[in-house]
Amino acid sequence: MRTRRWRWTLSTDTTTHTDPSLETAAERQRLRAAVVKTMRSVPAGRVATYGDIAEAVGIGARQAGRLVAQESDSGPWWRVVYADGTAAHCHGGTAPKLLRSEGVGFRRQRVDMTPFRIGA
């Protein structure tokens, strides 16, 4: 069986994990639940990046993005944006409208990250 290695930073430790596609079903479910919980913790009027979600859960940003996309019915997916402030393009491009309705400010079609990013 081929194993690919990924490096993810978990707080101050650097830990090596196997490729997420090779993880057990229980581990995938645990990660999915952690991503949903973290996504739901982003309050209205604030945003988090895929990297913020990933850091909180202990996975990579791309994996966090995939899990947010898969669980978009489970929480406020529109509050999770790219690192440059670009809102998600899924759901017919409704994320910017939803963010604006919550009072999130934009600059040139991107979220103004300094005042609206969670933890900022």
Foldseek 3Di string as FASTA:
>chain_A
DDWDWDWWDAPPDIDIDTDPVPDDPVVVVVLLVQLLVVQQPQDQQAAEELCRSCRSSGHDSVVSVVSCVVCVVSHPSLRYDHPQQATDPPPPNCSVVRNVVSPFDDDPNGTPHPVHYPPD
